[in-house]
Amino acid sequence: MTKSVVLNVIEDGTTEVAEAVNLELTNVSDATGQVSLTAAAHTVTIVDNDVPTVSFDVASSTIGEANVSHNLVVRLTVPGGGTLGAAVTVDVTDAGTGAALSGVDYDAFAGETVTFIGGSLDGTEQNVTLNVLHDLLVEGDETLDLMLGNVTGPASLGALSAHTLTITDDETASVSFGVSASMAAETSVAHNVVIALSTSAGATLDVPVIVNVTDAFSGTAASDSDYVAFGPETVTFLPGAVDGNMQSVSLEVLNDMLLEGDETVDLTLSVQTGPSLLGPLSAHEVTITDDETASVSFQVSGSTASEAGSPHGVLVQLTAAPGVTLAVPVTADVTDKGTGTALSGSDYGLIGTQMVTFGVGSGNGATQNATVNVLDDFVVE
């Protein structure tokens, strides 16, 4: 048979370690004197139901590289807004998994122990200071990962036990074409197009910047006909590169025997990898100047037409270097200057303006005909 005694536990708002109540059986009596005490001691452990937590106040933060120090906040949370019954400590350590380098991008952080003393209130904060190191390297933004651990005292880790600090780089870099346009003679084999690196004052690349140069296919020149099919070509600015460093790509021009006029190739820049932006000259136009020429003239400077022999043909001739042909049509107008002794409308029909056209494929010596309609009359003149 058993009997119970009741221990009334009192709820409080103080967080504390587990506490003990020691009970003892004494003064046993019975009519026979045959009952003795055994297991006369009993301990009741009161477990606190107000478990505080410690955590970072936010999961991430950002600091500019030019700043000297940055405070990280570790916060105590006590359920119900109570107080700590005993001191709590927590270690803040560098996880070593960020891209920023200890001793290079920030002062070596060996870890720090944060203490919340007994009696601390809900929401109490402690700061951990991280010192950022400034440099003149273009390296991009870098991260530092911090962790909370090894909690002692009546508390546990909260939800935000990890924090990522981003150190924003204050050095900048950009890439541009050296100029927005250039000219290449059709007779040249290769034409170099320059890409230039620009950095903020005194800055040096710490990581490579890889740039793609691409044919936009929006020019009038035809790939594989007027120039060798282009790219995309890759240009790399290596670590150590400084403001004003240049790289180039080569456009191979194809010579032909076509009279086609000047034609263009449009190139564009894009950053493949690396901490660089595009500069103001991200497009470049190469003009390929045509080296073929041609002329149009009357085949002869004068001709004779019989008054009775209407109509009379006058030949217009195309002259070009041997082997040159037209890739585009050429037109010319034949007009009456009105300065001759014959009278338009009396001695010959109205000429007006006659256009002659030399079609694509026409070459040296090709001719087109203009017509003069001679009018017969009975006047001796």
Protein backbone atom coordinates (compact mmCIF):
# COMPACT_ATOMS: atom_id res chain seq x y z
CA MET A 1 0.00 0.00 0.00
CA THR A 2 1.25 3.51 -0.78
CA LYS A 3 0.38 6.96 0.37
CA SER A 4 1.25 10.22 -1.34
CA VAL A 5 2.43 13.53 -0.10
CA VAL A 6 2.05 16.60 -2.33
CA LEU A 7 4.87 19.04 -3.13
CA ASN A 8 3.52 22.26 -4.64
CA VAL A 9 5.99 23.65 -7.23
CA ILE A 10 5.80 27.43 -7.67
CA GLU A 11 6.17 28.89 -11.18
CA ASP A 12 8.53 31.85 -11.42
CA GLY A 13 9.95 34.01 -14.22
CA THR A 14 13.58 33.30 -13.38
CA THR A 15 15.63 30.94 -15.50
CA GLU A 16 17.79 28.70 -13.38
CA VAL A 17 19.51 25.37 -13.34
CA ALA A 18 17.64 22.31 -12.14
CA GLU A 19 16.96 22.53 -8.38
CA ALA A 20 16.52 19.78 -5.81
CA VAL A 21 14.17 19.26 -2.89
CA ASN A 22 15.42 16.61 -0.44
CA LEU A 23 12.69 14.81 1.53
CA GLU A 24 13.23 12.53 4.56
CA LEU A 25 11.07 9.98 6.37
CA THR A 26 11.26 10.25 10.17
CA ASN A 27 9.37 9.39 13.32
CA VAL A 28 7.75 6.09 12.33
CA SER A 29 5.52 4.63 15.05
CA ASP A 30 3.09 1.73 15.30
CA ALA A 31 1.38 -0.22 18.08
CA THR A 32 3.54 -3.31 17.64
CA GLY A 33 6.89 -1.60 17.33
CA GLN A 34 7.71 -3.90 14.46
CA VAL A 35 7.85 -1.26 11.62
CA SER A 36 11.27 0.22 10.76
CA LEU A 37 12.49 2.89 8.29
CA THR A 38 14.07 1.91 4.97
CA ALA A 39 14.77 4.20 1.94
CA ALA A 40 14.14 7.17 4.17
CA ALA A 41 15.52 9.76 1.69
CA HIS A 42 13.92 11.08 -1.55
CA THR A 43 15.07 13.85 -3.91
CA VAL A 44 12.63 15.80 -6.08
CA THR A 45 14.39 17.61 -9.00
CA ILE A 46 12.59 20.72 -10.23
CA VAL A 47 13.39 21.28 -13.91
CA ASP A 48 13.05 24.85 -15.11
CA ASN A 49 10.52 25.23 -17.92
CA ASP A 50 11.85 28.69 -18.90
CA VAL A 51 14.76 27.72 -21.19
CA PRO A 52 16.51 30.80 -22.56
CA THR A 53 18.25 30.84 -25.93
CA VAL A 54 21.25 32.72 -27.32
CA SER A 55 21.51 33.58 -31.00
CA PHE A 56 22.73 36.16 -33.47
CA ASP A 57 20.26 39.00 -33.90
CA VAL A 58 20.25 38.56 -37.72
CA ALA A 59 21.42 35.84 -40.09
CA SER A 60 23.62 38.12 -42.19
CA SER A 61 25.08 41.61 -42.38
CA THR A 62 27.22 43.73 -44.70
CA ILE A 63 30.17 46.04 -44.13
CA GLY A 64 32.17 48.15 -46.55
CA GLU A 65 35.84 47.28 -46.86
CA ALA A 66 36.79 50.87 -45.98
CA ASN A 67 35.23 50.56 -42.52
CA VAL A 68 37.57 49.67 -39.67
CA SER A 69 35.38 47.48 -37.48
CA HIS A 70 32.02 45.79 -37.43
CA ASN A 71 29.94 44.75 -34.43
CA LEU A 72 28.05 41.47 -34.45
CA VAL A 73 25.19 41.24 -31.96
CA VAL A 74 24.49 38.15 -29.85
CA ARG A 75 21.07 38.30 -28.17
CA LEU A 76 19.61 36.58 -25.13
CA THR A 77 15.96 35.50 -25.32
CA VAL A 78 14.14 34.52 -22.13
CA PRO A 79 10.65 33.02 -22.52
CA GLY A 80 8.00 35.10 -20.88
CA GLY A 81 10.33 38.05 -20.51
CA GLY A 82 12.02 36.66 -17.41
CA THR A 83 15.56 36.92 -16.11
CA LEU A 84 18.55 34.61 -15.97
CA GLY A 85 18.96 32.76 -12.71
CA ALA A 86 22.61 31.95 -13.48
CA ALA A 87 25.31 33.11 -15.89
CA VAL A 88 25.28 31.86 -19.48
CA THR A 89 28.28 31.81 -21.82
CA VAL A 90 28.49 31.09 -25.55
CA ASP A 91 31.49 30.90 -27.91
CA VAL A 92 31.60 32.84 -31.19
CA THR A 93 34.00 31.22 -33.70
CA ASP A 94 35.14 31.65 -37.30
CA ALA A 95 33.81 28.69 -39.31
CA GLY A 96 36.58 29.20 -41.88
CA THR A 97 34.19 28.55 -44.77
CA GLY A 98 33.86 32.08 -46.17
CA ALA A 99 35.70 33.50 -49.16
CA ALA A 100 37.37 36.24 -47.07
CA LEU A 101 40.82 35.31 -45.72
CA SER A 102 41.68 35.56 -42.05
CA GLY A 103 44.64 37.89 -41.53
CA VAL A 104 44.26 39.26 -45.08
CA ASP A 105 40.71 40.59 -45.37
CA TYR A 106 40.06 40.80 -41.62
CA ASP A 107 42.08 40.51 -38.42
CA ALA A 108 42.62 36.90 -37.43
CA PHE A 109 39.63 35.96 -35.28
CA ALA A 110 40.53 33.28 -32.75
CA GLY A 111 37.06 33.23 -31.27
CA GLU A 112 35.41 35.05 -28.40
CA THR A 113 33.32 34.00 -25.43
CA VAL A 114 30.24 36.07 -24.71
CA THR A 115 28.86 36.12 -21.15
CA PHE A 116 25.36 36.97 -19.98
CA ILE A 117 25.52 37.40 -16.20
CA GLY A 118 22.91 36.10 -13.83
CA GLY A 119 19.96 38.47 -13.68
CA SER A 120 20.25 39.44 -17.34
CA LEU A 121 16.91 40.39 -18.86
CA ASP A 122 15.19 39.07 -21.96
CA GLY A 123 16.59 40.89 -25.02
CA THR A 124 20.00 41.61 -23.47
CA GLU A 125 22.64 41.98 -26.20
CA GLN A 126 26.40 41.57 -26.30
CA ASN A 127 28.68 42.71 -29.13
CA VAL A 128 31.50 40.86 -30.83
CA THR A 129 33.84 43.13 -32.80
CA LEU A 130 35.44 42.10 -36.08
CA ASN A 131 38.20 44.27 -37.57
CA VAL A 132 38.14 44.61 -41.37
CA LEU A 133 41.40 45.10 -43.28
CA HIS A 134 41.40 47.51 -46.22
CA ASP A 135 43.46 46.83 -49.36
CA LEU A 136 43.83 48.02 -52.96
CA LEU A 137 42.82 44.73 -54.56
CA VAL A 138 39.91 44.29 -56.94
CA GLU A 139 38.60 41.02 -55.54
CA GLY A 140 34.84 41.36 -55.40
CA ASP A 141 32.66 41.01 -52.32
CA GLU A 142 33.81 38.33 -49.86
CA THR A 143 32.12 36.52 -46.98
CA LEU A 144 33.02 35.48 -43.44
CA ASP A 145 31.00 32.75 -41.70
CA LEU A 146 30.63 32.88 -37.88
CA MET A 147 29.08 30.29 -35.59
CA LEU A 148 27.76 30.09 -32.05
CA GLY A 149 28.49 27.04 -29.91
CA ASN A 150 29.55 25.57 -26.55
CA VAL A 151 26.75 27.08 -24.48
CA THR A 152 27.17 26.82 -20.71
CA GLY A 153 24.56 27.63 -18.09
CA PRO A 154 20.77 27.41 -18.23
CA ALA A 155 20.36 28.17 -21.95
CA SER A 156 20.53 26.60 -25.41
CA LEU A 157 21.30 27.77 -28.95
CA GLY A 158 18.55 29.68 -30.71
CA ALA A 159 17.52 29.47 -34.35
CA LEU A 160 20.17 31.93 -35.60
CA SER A 161 23.34 30.15 -34.57
CA ALA A 162 25.18 31.07 -37.81
CA HIS A 163 25.92 34.48 -39.29
CA THR A 164 27.37 35.45 -42.68
CA LEU A 165 29.18 38.76 -42.91
CA THR A 166 29.72 40.15 -46.42
CA ILE A 167 32.68 42.50 -46.88
CA THR A 168 31.91 44.68 -49.91
CA ASP A 169 34.90 45.57 -52.05
CA ASP A 170 35.40 49.30 -52.58
CA GLU A 171 37.83 48.85 -55.47
CA THR A 172 36.23 48.72 -58.91
CA ALA A 173 37.15 47.53 -62.39
CA SER A 174 35.56 47.78 -65.82
CA VAL A 175 36.39 46.61 -69.33
CA SER A 176 35.77 48.49 -72.57
CA PHE A 177 36.85 48.56 -76.16
CA GLY A 178 39.73 51.00 -76.61
CA VAL A 179 37.68 52.97 -79.14
CA SER A 180 34.15 52.69 -80.46
CA ALA A 181 35.12 52.25 -84.13
CA SER A 182 38.07 51.39 -86.36
CA MET A 183 38.84 50.85 -90.06
CA ALA A 184 40.48 47.85 -91.73
CA ALA A 185 41.61 47.79 -95.34
CA GLU A 186 40.25 44.86 -97.31
CA THR A 187 43.84 44.01 -98.27
CA SER A 188 44.92 43.64 -94.62
CA VAL A 189 45.14 40.07 -93.35
CA ALA A 190 44.37 40.74 -89.69
CA HIS A 191 42.92 43.68 -87.83
CA ASN A 192 43.46 44.04 -84.07
CA VAL A 193 40.69 45.34 -81.82
CA VAL A 194 41.83 46.49 -78.36
CA ILE A 195 40.06 45.83 -75.04
CA ALA A 196 41.17 47.99 -72.10
CA LEU A 197 40.95 47.45 -68.32
CA SER A 198 40.07 50.39 -66.08
CA THR A 199 40.39 50.28 -62.28
CA SER A 200 39.90 52.69 -59.41
CA ALA A 201 43.00 54.63 -58.39
CA GLY A 202 45.91 52.40 -57.44
CA ALA A 203 43.88 49.20 -57.61
CA THR A 204 45.19 45.84 -58.86
CA LEU A 205 43.25 42.76 -59.94
CA ASP A 206 43.35 40.00 -57.32
CA VAL A 207 41.38 37.49 -59.39
CA PRO A 208 41.14 37.01 -63.18
CA VAL A 209 38.62 38.91 -65.27
CA ILE A 210 37.53 36.94 -68.34
CA VAL A 211 35.80 38.82 -71.15
CA ASN A 212 33.97 37.52 -74.22
CA VAL A 213 34.15 39.38 -77.54
CA THR A 214 31.27 38.37 -79.81
CA ASP A 215 30.13 39.07 -83.38
CA ALA A 216 26.72 40.74 -83.12
CA PHE A 217 25.98 39.84 -86.78
CA SER A 218 24.36 43.24 -87.23
CA GLY A 219 26.98 44.67 -89.63
CA THR A 220 26.78 44.76 -93.41
CA ALA A 221 29.85 42.55 -93.93
CA ALA A 222 29.18 38.82 -94.32
CA SER A 223 30.88 36.29 -92.07
CA ASP A 224 33.05 33.81 -94.03
CA SER A 225 32.79 36.03 -97.12
CA ASP A 226 34.20 39.36 -96.04
CA TYR A 227 35.96 38.13 -92.87
CA VAL A 228 36.78 34.81 -91.21
CA ALA A 229 33.98 33.63 -88.89
CA PHE A 230 34.64 35.31 -85.55
CA GLY A 231 34.47 33.82 -82.06
CA PRO A 232 33.33 34.41 -79.60
CA GLU A 233 36.89 35.19 -78.56
CA THR A 234 37.98 35.12 -74.90
CA VAL A 235 40.28 37.71 -73.37
CA THR A 236 41.75 37.29 -69.85
CA PHE A 237 43.13 39.99 -67.56
CA LEU A 238 45.26 38.10 -65.03
CA PRO A 239 45.77 38.89 -61.33
CA GLY A 240 48.18 41.79 -61.03
CA ALA A 241 46.69 43.68 -63.97
CA VAL A 242 46.31 47.40 -63.34
CA ASP A 243 44.48 50.36 -64.80
CA GLY A 244 45.23 50.80 -68.49
CA ASN A 245 46.25 47.20 -69.21
CA MET A 246 45.17 46.12 -72.70
CA GLN A 247 44.40 42.90 -74.54
CA SER A 248 43.41 42.49 -78.19
CA VAL A 249 41.49 40.20 -80.48
CA SER A 250 42.16 39.76 -84.19
CA LEU A 251 39.59 40.04 -86.96
CA GLU A 252 40.81 38.32 -90.13
CA VAL A 253 39.68 40.20 -93.23
CA LEU A 254 39.09 38.31 -96.51
CA ASN A 255 40.08 40.06 -99.75
CA ASP A 256 37.95 39.53 -102.85
CA MET A 257 37.44 40.92 -106.36
CA LEU A 258 33.98 42.31 -105.69
CA LEU A 259 33.13 45.97 -105.93
CA GLU A 260 30.80 46.16 -102.93
CA GLY A 261 31.61 49.35 -101.07
CA ASP A 262 32.72 49.65 -97.44
CA GLU A 263 31.14 47.15 -95.06
CA THR A 264 30.92 46.85 -91.27
CA VAL A 265 31.42 44.22 -88.57
CA ASP A 266 29.78 44.85 -85.15
CA LEU A 267 31.49 43.40 -82.07
CA THR A 268 30.18 43.34 -78.49
CA LEU A 269 31.76 42.79 -75.05
CA SER A 270 30.44 40.78 -72.10
CA VAL A 271 32.05 39.80 -68.79
CA GLN A 272 32.20 36.03 -68.36
CA THR A 273 33.73 35.90 -64.87
CA GLY A 274 35.51 38.17 -62.44
CA PRO A 275 34.79 41.33 -60.42
CA SER A 276 34.37 43.70 -63.33
CA LEU A 277 31.63 45.78 -64.90
CA LEU A 278 31.21 46.72 -68.54
CA GLY A 279 32.62 50.15 -69.34
CA PRO A 280 30.99 52.75 -71.58
CA LEU A 281 32.40 51.27 -74.82
CA SER A 282 30.87 47.79 -74.87
CA ALA A 283 30.31 47.86 -78.66
CA HIS A 284 32.83 48.33 -81.48
CA GLU A 285 32.28 48.75 -85.24
CA VAL A 286 35.00 47.71 -87.69
CA THR A 287 34.62 49.22 -91.16
CA ILE A 288 36.24 47.13 -93.92
CA THR A 289 37.19 49.55 -96.69
CA ASP A 290 36.73 48.15 -100.21
CA ASP A 291 39.85 48.34 -102.41
CA GLU A 292 38.04 47.70 -105.73
CA THR A 293 37.09 50.71 -107.86
CA ALA A 294 35.24 51.25 -111.15
CA SER A 295 34.30 54.10 -113.46
CA VAL A 296 31.48 54.73 -115.92
CA SER A 297 32.01 56.66 -119.19
CA PHE A 298 30.81 56.93 -122.77
CA GLN A 299 32.57 54.29 -124.80
CA VAL A 300 33.69 56.98 -127.30
CA SER A 301 33.65 60.74 -127.06
CA GLY A 302 31.67 61.26 -130.27
CA SER A 303 29.59 59.43 -132.90
CA THR A 304 27.76 60.21 -136.16
CA ALA A 305 24.10 59.52 -136.82
CA SER A 306 22.37 59.79 -140.24
CA GLU A 307 19.31 61.99 -140.24
CA ALA A 308 17.48 59.10 -141.83
CA GLY A 309 18.89 56.54 -139.44
CA SER A 310 16.78 56.97 -136.33
CA PRO A 311 17.23 55.69 -133.64
CA HIS A 312 20.89 56.10 -132.77
CA GLY A 313 22.53 54.14 -129.91
CA VAL A 314 25.17 55.67 -127.62
CA LEU A 315 27.14 53.13 -125.54
CA VAL A 316 27.98 53.70 -121.85
CA GLN A 317 30.87 51.54 -120.62
CA LEU A 318 31.93 50.20 -117.19
CA THR A 319 35.69 50.20 -116.57
CA ALA A 320 37.26 48.21 -113.71
CA ALA A 321 40.44 46.30 -112.99
CA PRO A 322 40.63 42.87 -114.61
CA GLY A 323 38.68 40.29 -112.63
CA VAL A 324 36.63 42.84 -110.67
CA THR A 325 32.86 42.38 -110.79
CA LEU A 326 30.01 44.31 -109.30
CA ALA A 327 28.47 43.01 -106.08
CA VAL A 328 25.90 45.83 -106.16
CA PRO A 329 24.16 47.48 -109.14
CA VAL A 330 25.64 50.68 -110.61
CA THR A 331 23.39 53.22 -112.34
CA ALA A 332 24.18 56.33 -114.38
CA ASP A 333 21.94 58.99 -115.94
CA VAL A 334 22.33 60.14 -119.56
CA THR A 335 20.95 63.66 -120.06
CA ASP A 336 20.80 66.25 -122.83
CA LYS A 337 23.02 69.21 -121.93
CA GLY A 338 21.09 71.32 -124.43
CA THR A 339 24.27 73.01 -125.69
CA GLY A 340 24.52 71.41 -129.14
CA THR A 341 23.46 72.97 -132.45
CA ALA A 342 20.72 70.38 -133.09
CA LEU A 343 17.33 71.28 -131.71
CA SER A 344 15.47 68.96 -129.35
CA GLY A 345 12.02 68.22 -130.72
CA SER A 346 13.02 69.34 -134.26
CA ASP A 347 16.19 67.45 -135.09
CA TYR A 348 15.89 64.69 -132.45
CA GLY A 349 13.28 63.44 -130.03
CA LEU A 350 13.18 64.64 -126.42
CA ILE A 351 15.87 62.72 -124.52
CA GLY A 352 14.99 63.75 -120.99
CA THR A 353 16.93 61.58 -118.53
CA GLN A 354 17.77 57.99 -119.46
CA MET A 355 19.10 55.76 -116.68
CA VAL A 356 21.44 52.91 -117.58
CA THR A 357 22.05 50.09 -115.08
CA PHE A 358 25.02 47.74 -114.77
CA GLY A 359 23.72 44.73 -112.88
CA VAL A 360 25.42 42.57 -110.23
CA GLY A 361 28.15 40.51 -111.87
CA SER A 362 29.01 43.14 -114.49
CA GLY A 363 32.74 43.50 -115.10
CA ASN A 364 35.31 45.49 -117.01
CA GLY A 365 34.09 46.49 -120.49
CA ALA A 366 30.40 45.90 -119.86
CA THR A 367 28.19 48.34 -121.83
CA GLN A 368 24.68 49.72 -121.66
CA ASN A 369 22.87 51.59 -124.44
CA ALA A 370 21.26 55.03 -124.44
CA THR A 371 19.08 55.96 -127.42
CA VAL A 372 18.83 59.22 -129.40
CA ASN A 373 15.82 59.32 -131.77
CA VAL A 374 16.89 61.36 -134.85
CA LEU A 375 14.05 63.22 -136.63
CA ASP A 376 14.17 63.41 -140.47
CA ASP A 377 13.18 66.71 -142.05
CA PHE A 378 13.40 68.40 -145.46
CA VAL A 379 15.50 71.27 -144.33
CA VAL A 380 19.00 71.60 -145.65
CA GLU A 381 21.11 72.38 -142.60
